[in-house]
Amino acid sequence: MSTLQDKSKNELIEEIESLKKDVRDLEKNKELEQINDLFVGREFRIKELKDKVKELEKGKNEKGKN
């Protein structure tokens, strides 16, 4: 009976360790998603600023022609 209990105990320990690893992986994924959101937001902002620069340059060039 002791061997059966030891086996069950070992299986539970392995399952707990597996669950702990899963939790760490989920936390890391969440962190990566947050970083990704920041980068995506940054890229959109860069695009907006580039478009604004082009718009201002176009306006400046048109004023220079008149």
Protein backbone atom coordinates (compact mmCIF):
# COMPACT_ATOMS: atom_id res chain seq x y z
CA MET A 1 0.00 0.00 0.00
CA SER A 2 2.87 2.33 0.74
CA THR A 3 4.17 2.00 -2.83
CA LEU A 4 0.78 2.95 -4.23
CA GLN A 5 0.63 5.98 -1.95
CA ASP A 6 4.18 6.97 -2.92
CA LYS A 7 3.27 6.69 -6.58
CA SER A 8 0.16 8.81 -6.13
CA LYS A 9 2.16 11.33 -4.12
CA ASN A 10 4.82 11.50 -6.82
CA GLU A 11 2.17 11.92 -9.50
CA LEU A 12 0.62 14.77 -7.53
CA ILE A 13 4.00 16.44 -7.10
CA GLU A 14 4.66 16.14 -10.84
CA GLU A 15 1.22 17.57 -11.61
CA ILE A 16 1.81 20.49 -9.23
CA GLU A 17 5.18 21.22 -10.84
CA SER A 18 3.58 21.06 -14.27
CA LEU A 19 0.86 23.48 -13.18
CA LYS A 20 3.46 25.84 -11.72
CA LYS A 21 5.28 25.84 -15.05
CA ASP A 22 2.01 26.52 -16.87
CA VAL A 23 1.34 29.49 -14.58
CA ARG A 24 4.85 30.87 -15.24
CA ASP A 25 4.31 30.45 -18.97
CA LEU A 26 0.96 32.26 -18.79
CA GLU A 27 2.51 35.10 -16.81
CA LYS A 28 5.30 35.39 -19.38
CA ASN A 29 2.76 35.38 -22.21
CA LYS A 30 0.81 38.15 -20.51
CA GLU A 31 3.99 40.18 -20.12
CA LEU A 32 4.87 39.64 -23.79
CA GLU A 33 1.37 40.67 -24.86
CA GLN A 34 1.70 43.90 -22.86
CA ILE A 35 5.07 44.62 -24.47
CA ASN A 36 3.63 43.85 -27.88
CA ASP A 37 0.74 46.26 -27.26
CA LEU A 38 3.23 48.99 -26.37
CA PHE A 39 5.25 48.37 -29.53
CA VAL A 40 2.16 48.32 -31.74
CA GLY A 41 0.97 51.58 -30.19
CA ARG A 42 4.41 53.07 -30.72
CA GLU A 43 4.42 52.03 -34.38
CA PHE A 44 1.00 53.62 -34.93
CA ARG A 45 2.24 56.83 -33.32
CA ILE A 46 5.34 56.84 -35.53
CA LYS A 47 3.12 56.40 -38.61
CA GLU A 48 0.91 59.30 -37.50
CA LEU A 49 3.92 61.54 -37.00
CA LYS A 50 5.44 60.59 -40.35
CA ASP A 51 2.14 61.39 -42.06
CA LYS A 52 1.99 64.73 -40.25
CA VAL A 53 5.56 65.58 -41.34
CA LYS A 54 4.67 64.76 -44.96
CA GLU A 55 1.56 66.91 -44.70
CA LEU A 56 3.54 69.84 -43.28
CA GLU A 57 6.27 69.46 -45.89
CA LYS A 58 3.67 69.38 -48.64
CA GLY A 59 2.06 72.55 -47.27
CA LYS A 60 5.45 74.24 -47.01
CA ASN A 61 6.32 73.32 -50.60
CA GLU A 62 2.98 74.60 -51.87
CA LYS A 63 3.47 77.94 -50.06
CA GLY A 64 6.92 78.24 -51.59
CA LYS A 65 5.50 77.84 -55.10
CA ASN A 66 3.02 80.71 -54.68
